[in-house]
């Protein structure tokens, strides 16, 4: 498996993992279960790591496709611009997840408020990851329609 294949696989982990983690966190908030919230934060950590791997393998993936006939340089640039925004959200989500795990394990009084804030970060991250993935899909599939 080369970096291009790794890029294509891990982007799904970041997108679907973040959505799933957000849903689990929402369930944990609504059911008032700290263990469920901590589990959601662990899923966010895994999703963030997948997103970071996706970002780090992006250049190699670009090198693989940029010489293929019919590939639009402008779509690659759009994808790359959103990927840079996504990287900052990956880092923010990773740090927020660590804070959430700490707050949950230490039973901090503000843990639930922190969790609601992290939920917002998670769903914003999901939206940016999903849009970045959509743009990435357009690189190879723009000519399919």
N, C-alpha and C. Protein backbone atom coordinates (compact mmCIF):
# COMPACT_ATOMS: atom_id res chain seq x y z
N UNK A 1 0.85 -1.17 0.00
CA UNK A 1 0.00 0.00 0.00
C UNK A 1 0.90 1.24 0.00
N UNK A 2 0.64 2.15 -0.92
CA UNK A 2 1.43 3.37 -0.97
C UNK A 2 0.67 4.51 -0.28
N UNK A 3 1.29 5.68 -0.25
CA UNK A 3 0.68 6.82 0.46
C UNK A 3 -0.62 7.28 -0.18
N UNK A 4 -0.75 7.12 -1.49
CA UNK A 4 -2.00 7.50 -2.14
C UNK A 4 -3.15 6.64 -1.65
N UNK A 5 -2.93 5.33 -1.56
CA UNK A 5 -3.99 4.45 -1.06
C UNK A 5 -4.29 4.75 0.41
N UNK A 6 -3.25 5.01 1.18
CA UNK A 6 -3.44 5.36 2.59
C UNK A 6 -4.26 6.64 2.71
N UNK A 7 -4.01 7.61 1.84
CA UNK A 7 -4.77 8.85 1.82
C UNK A 7 -6.26 8.58 1.57
N UNK A 8 -6.54 7.74 0.61
CA UNK A 8 -7.92 7.44 0.24
C UNK A 8 -8.66 6.65 1.33
N UNK A 9 -7.94 5.84 2.06
CA UNK A 9 -8.56 5.05 3.13
C UNK A 9 -8.78 5.89 4.38
N UNK A 10 -7.76 6.63 4.79
CA UNK A 10 -7.86 7.34 6.06
C UNK A 10 -8.81 8.53 6.01
N UNK A 11 -9.08 9.07 4.82
CA UNK A 11 -10.03 10.20 4.78
C UNK A 11 -11.41 9.75 5.21
N UNK A 12 -11.75 8.50 4.92
CA UNK A 12 -13.04 7.98 5.36
C UNK A 12 -13.10 7.83 6.88
N UNK A 13 -11.98 7.45 7.48
CA UNK A 13 -11.92 7.34 8.93
C UNK A 13 -12.18 8.69 9.58
N UNK A 14 -11.57 9.73 9.04
CA UNK A 14 -11.76 11.06 9.62
C UNK A 14 -13.21 11.53 9.47
N UNK A 15 -13.79 11.30 8.31
CA UNK A 15 -15.16 11.79 8.07
C UNK A 15 -16.18 10.98 8.86
N UNK A 16 -16.22 9.69 8.64
CA UNK A 16 -17.23 8.84 9.29
C UNK A 16 -16.96 8.74 10.79
N UNK A 17 -15.69 8.66 11.16
CA UNK A 17 -15.35 8.57 12.58
C UNK A 17 -15.79 9.78 13.36
N UNK A 18 -15.61 10.96 12.77
CA UNK A 18 -16.02 12.19 13.45
C UNK A 18 -17.54 12.26 13.59
N UNK A 19 -18.24 11.88 12.55
CA UNK A 19 -19.71 11.86 12.63
C UNK A 19 -20.17 10.88 13.71
N UNK A 20 -19.63 9.68 13.68
CA UNK A 20 -20.00 8.67 14.66
C UNK A 20 -19.66 9.13 16.08
N UNK A 21 -18.47 9.71 16.27
CA UNK A 21 -18.06 10.20 17.58
C UNK A 21 -18.99 11.29 18.08
N UNK A 22 -19.41 12.18 17.18
CA UNK A 22 -20.35 13.23 17.57
C UNK A 22 -21.69 12.68 18.01
N UNK A 23 -22.16 11.66 17.31
CA UNK A 23 -23.43 11.03 17.69
C UNK A 23 -23.30 10.35 19.05
N UNK A 24 -22.19 9.64 19.26
CA UNK A 24 -21.96 8.99 20.56
C UNK A 24 -21.87 10.04 21.67
N UNK A 25 -21.19 11.15 21.40
CA UNK A 25 -21.10 12.20 22.41
C UNK A 25 -22.47 12.79 22.72
N UNK A 26 -23.27 13.01 21.70
CA UNK A 26 -24.63 13.53 21.91
C UNK A 26 -25.44 12.55 22.76
N UNK A 27 -25.33 11.28 22.47
CA UNK A 27 -26.02 10.26 23.29
C UNK A 27 -25.54 10.33 24.73
N UNK A 28 -24.22 10.47 24.91
CA UNK A 28 -23.67 10.57 26.26
C UNK A 28 -24.14 11.81 26.99
N UNK A 29 -24.31 12.90 26.27
CA UNK A 29 -24.80 14.13 26.89
C UNK A 29 -26.28 14.00 27.26
N UNK A 30 -27.06 13.45 26.34
CA UNK A 30 -28.50 13.33 26.61
C UNK A 30 -28.82 12.29 27.68
N UNK A 31 -28.01 11.24 27.75
CA UNK A 31 -28.23 10.20 28.76
C UNK A 31 -27.45 10.47 30.05
N UNK A 32 -26.68 11.55 30.03
CA UNK A 32 -25.87 11.96 31.19
C UNK A 32 -24.93 10.84 31.65
N UNK A 33 -24.24 10.23 30.69
CA UNK A 33 -23.32 9.13 30.97
C UNK A 33 -21.89 9.55 30.65
N UNK A 34 -21.09 9.71 31.69
CA UNK A 34 -19.71 10.15 31.52
C UNK A 34 -18.91 9.13 30.70
N UNK A 35 -19.13 7.83 30.96
CA UNK A 35 -18.38 6.80 30.25
C UNK A 35 -18.64 6.86 28.74
N UNK A 36 -19.85 7.15 28.35
CA UNK A 36 -20.18 7.27 26.93
C UNK A 36 -19.49 8.49 26.33
N UNK A 37 -19.45 9.58 27.09
CA UNK A 37 -18.76 10.78 26.59
C UNK A 37 -17.27 10.52 26.44
N UNK A 38 -16.67 9.85 27.38
CA UNK A 38 -15.24 9.53 27.28
C UNK A 38 -15.00 8.61 26.07
N UNK A 39 -15.88 7.66 25.86
CA UNK A 39 -15.76 6.79 24.68
C UNK A 39 -15.82 7.62 23.39
N UNK A 40 -16.69 8.62 23.36
CA UNK A 40 -16.79 9.51 22.20
C UNK A 40 -15.49 10.28 22.00
N UNK A 41 -14.88 10.73 23.08
CA UNK A 41 -13.62 11.46 22.96
C UNK A 41 -12.50 10.57 22.43
N UNK A 42 -12.51 9.31 22.83
CA UNK A 42 -11.52 8.37 22.30
C UNK A 42 -11.75 8.17 20.81
N UNK A 43 -13.00 8.08 20.38
CA UNK A 43 -13.30 7.98 18.94
C UNK A 43 -12.83 9.24 18.20
N UNK A 44 -12.97 10.39 18.83
CA UNK A 44 -12.49 11.63 18.21
C UNK A 44 -10.97 11.63 18.06
N UNK A 45 -10.28 11.10 19.06
CA UNK A 45 -8.83 10.99 18.97
C UNK A 45 -8.44 10.11 17.78
N UNK A 46 -9.09 8.98 17.65
CA UNK A 46 -8.80 8.06 16.54
C UNK A 46 -9.11 8.74 15.20
N UNK A 47 -10.24 9.42 15.13
CA UNK A 47 -10.62 10.13 13.90
C UNK A 47 -9.62 11.24 13.57
N UNK A 48 -9.15 11.94 14.60
CA UNK A 48 -8.17 13.00 14.39
C UNK A 48 -6.86 12.44 13.87
N UNK A 49 -6.45 11.33 14.40
CA UNK A 49 -5.21 10.69 13.92
C UNK A 49 -5.40 10.27 12.46
N UNK A 50 -6.57 9.72 12.14
CA UNK A 50 -6.85 9.38 10.74
C UNK A 50 -6.82 10.61 9.84
N UNK A 51 -7.37 11.71 10.33
CA UNK A 51 -7.35 12.95 9.56
C UNK A 51 -5.95 13.49 9.37
N UNK A 52 -5.13 13.36 10.39
CA UNK A 52 -3.75 13.83 10.27
C UNK A 52 -2.97 13.00 9.25
N UNK A 53 -3.17 11.69 9.30
CA UNK A 53 -2.53 10.81 8.31
C UNK A 53 -3.01 11.18 6.91
N UNK A 54 -4.29 11.45 6.78
CA UNK A 54 -4.83 11.86 5.49
C UNK A 54 -4.14 13.11 4.99
N UNK A 55 -4.00 14.09 5.86
CA UNK A 55 -3.34 15.33 5.46
C UNK A 55 -1.89 15.08 5.05
N UNK A 56 -1.17 14.32 5.85
CA UNK A 56 0.25 14.08 5.59
C UNK A 56 0.48 13.28 4.31
N UNK A 57 -0.48 12.50 3.87
CA UNK A 57 -0.32 11.72 2.64
C UNK A 57 -0.93 12.43 1.43
N UNK A 58 -1.47 13.60 1.63
CA UNK A 58 -2.13 14.33 0.55
C UNK A 58 -1.20 14.74 -0.57
N UNK A 59 0.00 15.16 -0.23
CA UNK A 59 0.92 15.60 -1.27
C UNK A 59 1.27 14.45 -2.21
N UNK A 60 1.52 13.29 -1.65
CA UNK A 60 1.83 12.11 -2.46
C UNK A 60 0.63 11.75 -3.35
N UNK A 61 -0.57 11.85 -2.79
CA UNK A 61 -1.77 11.57 -3.59
C UNK A 61 -1.89 12.57 -4.75
N UNK A 62 -1.57 13.82 -4.47
CA UNK A 62 -1.60 14.84 -5.53
C UNK A 62 -0.59 14.50 -6.63
N UNK A 63 0.59 14.09 -6.24
CA UNK A 63 1.62 13.73 -7.21
C UNK A 63 1.16 12.57 -8.10
N UNK A 64 0.37 11.69 -7.53
CA UNK A 64 -0.11 10.52 -8.27
C UNK A 64 -1.11 10.92 -9.36
N UNK A 65 -1.99 11.88 -9.06
CA UNK A 65 -3.08 12.17 -9.99
C UNK A 65 -2.87 13.40 -10.86
N UNK A 66 -1.95 14.29 -10.51
CA UNK A 66 -1.87 15.56 -11.22
C UNK A 66 -1.47 15.42 -12.69
N UNK A 67 -0.89 14.30 -13.07
CA UNK A 67 -0.48 14.11 -14.47
C UNK A 67 -1.48 13.31 -15.28
N UNK A 68 -2.59 12.92 -14.66
CA UNK A 68 -3.62 12.16 -15.37
C UNK A 68 -4.44 13.12 -16.22
N UNK A 69 -4.67 12.74 -17.45
CA UNK A 69 -5.43 13.57 -18.38
C UNK A 69 -6.85 13.79 -17.83
N UNK A 70 -7.30 15.03 -17.91
CA UNK A 70 -8.65 15.38 -17.48
C UNK A 70 -8.76 15.79 -16.02
N UNK A 71 -7.67 15.73 -15.28
CA UNK A 71 -7.69 16.13 -13.88
C UNK A 71 -7.56 17.66 -13.80
N UNK A 72 -8.47 18.27 -13.09
CA UNK A 72 -8.51 19.72 -12.98
C UNK A 72 -7.60 20.21 -11.87
N UNK A 73 -6.67 21.07 -12.23
CA UNK A 73 -5.77 21.66 -11.24
C UNK A 73 -6.54 22.53 -10.25
N UNK A 74 -7.61 23.19 -10.71
CA UNK A 74 -8.38 24.05 -9.81
C UNK A 74 -9.11 23.24 -8.74
N UNK A 75 -9.59 22.06 -9.09
CA UNK A 75 -10.25 21.21 -8.09
C UNK A 75 -9.23 20.73 -7.07
N UNK A 76 -8.04 20.37 -7.55
CA UNK A 76 -6.97 19.97 -6.62
C UNK A 76 -6.66 21.11 -5.67
N UNK A 77 -6.57 22.33 -6.18
CA UNK A 77 -6.26 23.49 -5.33
C UNK A 77 -7.36 23.74 -4.30
N UNK A 78 -8.62 23.62 -4.71
CA UNK A 78 -9.74 23.79 -3.77
C UNK A 78 -9.66 22.75 -2.66
N UNK A 79 -9.41 21.50 -3.07
CA UNK A 79 -9.29 20.41 -2.10
C UNK A 79 -8.15 20.70 -1.13
N UNK A 80 -7.04 21.14 -1.65
CA UNK A 80 -5.87 21.42 -0.83
C UNK A 80 -6.14 22.57 0.15
N UNK A 81 -6.83 23.61 -0.30
CA UNK A 81 -7.16 24.74 0.58
C UNK A 81 -8.04 24.29 1.75
N UNK A 82 -9.06 23.48 1.45
CA UNK A 82 -9.92 22.99 2.53
C UNK A 82 -9.18 22.02 3.43
N UNK A 83 -8.26 21.25 2.86
CA UNK A 83 -7.47 20.32 3.67
C UNK A 83 -6.64 21.07 4.70
N UNK A 84 -6.14 22.24 4.34
CA UNK A 84 -5.38 23.05 5.30
C UNK A 84 -6.28 23.54 6.42
N UNK A 85 -7.50 23.93 6.10
CA UNK A 85 -8.46 24.32 7.15
C UNK A 85 -8.79 23.11 8.02
N UNK A 86 -8.98 21.98 7.38
CA UNK A 86 -9.29 20.75 8.11
C UNK A 86 -8.17 20.38 9.07
N UNK A 87 -6.93 20.62 8.68
CA UNK A 87 -5.80 20.29 9.55
C UNK A 87 -5.92 21.04 10.88
N UNK A 88 -6.27 22.33 10.82
CA UNK A 88 -6.41 23.08 12.07
C UNK A 88 -7.54 22.53 12.93
N UNK A 89 -8.61 22.09 12.29
CA UNK A 89 -9.71 21.49 13.04
C UNK A 89 -9.32 20.13 13.61
N UNK A 90 -8.50 19.38 12.87
CA UNK A 90 -8.00 18.10 13.36
C UNK A 90 -7.22 18.32 14.65
N UNK A 91 -6.35 19.30 14.63
CA UNK A 91 -5.53 19.61 15.81
C UNK A 91 -6.42 20.07 16.97
N UNK A 92 -7.37 20.97 16.67
CA UNK A 92 -8.29 21.45 17.70
C UNK A 92 -9.11 20.30 18.29
N UNK A 93 -9.64 19.44 17.43
CA UNK A 93 -10.45 18.32 17.91
C UNK A 93 -9.61 17.36 18.75
N UNK A 94 -8.37 17.13 18.34
CA UNK A 94 -7.48 16.25 19.10
C UNK A 94 -7.25 16.80 20.50
N UNK A 95 -6.91 18.08 20.58
CA UNK A 95 -6.66 18.71 21.88
C UNK A 95 -7.94 18.73 22.72
N UNK A 96 -9.06 19.09 22.10
CA UNK A 96 -10.33 19.13 22.82
C UNK A 96 -10.71 17.76 23.36
N UNK A 97 -10.42 16.72 22.59
CA UNK A 97 -10.72 15.35 23.03
C UNK A 97 -9.90 14.98 24.26
N UNK A 98 -8.65 15.38 24.27
CA UNK A 98 -7.80 15.11 25.44
C UNK A 98 -8.35 15.86 26.66
N UNK A 99 -8.76 17.10 26.46
CA UNK A 99 -9.36 17.87 27.56
C UNK A 99 -10.64 17.17 28.03
N UNK A 100 -11.46 16.70 27.10
CA UNK A 100 -12.69 16.01 27.47
C UNK A 100 -12.43 14.73 28.25
N UNK A 101 -11.44 13.96 27.83
CA UNK A 101 -11.09 12.74 28.57
C UNK A 101 -10.63 13.08 29.97
N UNK A 102 -9.77 14.08 30.07
CA UNK A 102 -9.27 14.51 31.38
C UNK A 102 -10.43 14.96 32.28
N UNK A 103 -11.31 15.80 31.72
CA UNK A 103 -12.45 16.31 32.51
C UNK A 103 -13.36 15.17 32.95
N UNK A 104 -13.57 14.20 32.07
CA UNK A 104 -14.42 13.07 32.42
C UNK A 104 -13.80 12.16 33.46
N UNK A 105 -12.51 11.90 33.33
CA UNK A 105 -11.82 11.02 34.29
C UNK A 105 -11.67 11.67 35.67
N UNK A 106 -11.53 13.00 35.69
CA UNK A 106 -11.36 13.72 36.96
C UNK A 106 -12.69 14.18 37.55
N UNK A 107 -13.80 13.87 36.86
CA UNK A 107 -15.14 14.28 37.31
C UNK A 107 -15.22 15.78 37.60
N UNK A 108 -14.68 16.58 36.71
CA UNK A 108 -14.75 18.03 36.88
C UNK A 108 -16.20 18.48 36.79
N UNK A 109 -16.54 19.48 37.57
CA UNK A 109 -17.91 19.99 37.56
C UNK A 109 -18.29 20.57 36.20
N UNK A 110 -17.31 21.11 35.49
CA UNK A 110 -17.59 21.72 34.19
C UNK A 110 -17.51 20.72 33.03
N UNK A 111 -17.36 19.44 33.34
CA UNK A 111 -17.17 18.43 32.29
C UNK A 111 -18.30 18.43 31.27
N UNK A 112 -19.52 18.57 31.72
CA UNK A 112 -20.65 18.53 30.78
C UNK A 112 -20.66 19.76 29.87
N UNK A 113 -20.34 20.93 30.40
CA UNK A 113 -20.25 22.14 29.57
C UNK A 113 -19.12 22.00 28.55
N UNK A 114 -18.00 21.46 29.01
CA UNK A 114 -16.88 21.22 28.11
C UNK A 114 -17.30 20.27 27.00
N UNK A 115 -18.06 19.25 27.35
CA UNK A 115 -18.52 18.26 26.37
C UNK A 115 -19.43 18.88 25.32
N UNK A 116 -20.31 19.79 25.74
CA UNK A 116 -21.18 20.47 24.76
C UNK A 116 -20.33 21.30 23.79
N UNK A 117 -19.32 21.96 24.30
CA UNK A 117 -18.43 22.76 23.45
C UNK A 117 -17.68 21.85 22.48
N UNK A 118 -17.20 20.72 22.97
CA UNK A 118 -16.49 19.77 22.10
C UNK A 118 -17.42 19.20 21.05
N UNK A 119 -18.69 19.01 21.40
CA UNK A 119 -19.66 18.52 20.41
C UNK A 119 -19.77 19.49 19.23
N UNK A 120 -19.78 20.77 19.52
CA UNK A 120 -19.83 21.78 18.45
C UNK A 120 -18.57 21.69 17.59
N UNK A 121 -17.42 21.59 18.23
CA UNK A 121 -16.16 21.44 17.49
C UNK A 121 -16.21 20.20 16.61
N UNK A 122 -16.74 19.12 17.16
CA UNK A 122 -16.80 17.85 16.44
C UNK A 122 -17.67 17.96 15.19
N UNK A 123 -18.85 18.55 15.31
CA UNK A 123 -19.75 18.64 14.15
C UNK A 123 -19.25 19.66 13.12
N UNK A 124 -18.61 20.73 13.57
CA UNK A 124 -17.98 21.66 12.62
C UNK A 124 -16.85 20.94 11.89
N UNK A 125 -16.07 20.17 12.64
CA UNK A 125 -14.98 19.39 12.03
C UNK A 125 -15.54 18.41 11.01
N UNK A 126 -16.60 17.71 11.38
CA UNK A 126 -17.21 16.77 10.45
C UNK A 126 -17.61 17.47 9.16
N UNK A 127 -18.24 18.63 9.28
CA UNK A 127 -18.69 19.35 8.08
C UNK A 127 -17.51 19.71 7.19
N UNK A 128 -16.43 20.21 7.77
CA UNK A 128 -15.26 20.59 6.98
C UNK A 128 -14.59 19.35 6.41
N UNK A 129 -14.49 18.27 7.20
CA UNK A 129 -13.89 17.03 6.70
C UNK A 129 -14.71 16.49 5.53
N UNK A 130 -16.04 16.49 5.69
CA UNK A 130 -16.91 15.95 4.64
C UNK A 130 -16.79 16.78 3.36
N UNK A 131 -16.75 18.09 3.49
CA UNK A 131 -16.63 18.94 2.30
C UNK A 131 -15.27 18.75 1.64
N UNK A 132 -14.23 18.63 2.46
CA UNK A 132 -12.90 18.39 1.92
C UNK A 132 -12.87 17.05 1.18
N UNK A 133 -13.49 16.04 1.76
CA UNK A 133 -13.58 14.73 1.10
C UNK A 133 -14.38 14.79 -0.18
N UNK A 134 -15.46 15.56 -0.18
CA UNK A 134 -16.26 15.73 -1.39
C UNK A 134 -15.41 16.35 -2.50
N UNK A 135 -14.67 17.40 -2.16
CA UNK A 135 -13.80 18.04 -3.15
C UNK A 135 -12.73 17.07 -3.64
N UNK A 136 -12.20 16.26 -2.73
CA UNK A 136 -11.22 15.26 -3.13
C UNK A 136 -11.82 14.24 -4.07
N UNK A 137 -13.04 13.86 -3.84
CA UNK A 137 -13.72 12.92 -4.73
C UNK A 137 -13.93 13.50 -6.11
N UNK A 138 -14.10 14.81 -6.17
CA UNK A 138 -14.29 15.47 -7.46
C UNK A 138 -13.04 15.43 -8.33
N UNK A 139 -11.89 15.25 -7.72
CA UNK A 139 -10.64 15.21 -8.48
C UNK A 139 -10.68 14.09 -9.51
N UNK A 140 -11.12 12.93 -9.10
CA UNK A 140 -11.15 11.79 -10.01
C UNK A 140 -12.50 11.57 -10.67
N UNK A 141 -13.55 12.08 -10.07
CA UNK A 141 -14.89 11.78 -10.55
C UNK A 141 -15.59 12.94 -11.25
N UNK A 142 -14.93 14.08 -11.39
CA UNK A 142 -15.57 15.24 -12.03
C UNK A 142 -15.97 14.95 -13.46
N UNK A 143 -15.25 14.08 -14.13
CA UNK A 143 -15.56 13.78 -15.53
C UNK A 143 -16.54 12.62 -15.68
N UNK A 144 -16.99 12.05 -14.56
CA UNK A 144 -17.91 10.91 -14.61
C UNK A 144 -19.34 11.34 -14.96
N UNK A 145 -19.65 12.61 -14.83
CA UNK A 145 -21.05 13.05 -14.97
C UNK A 145 -21.33 13.65 -16.29
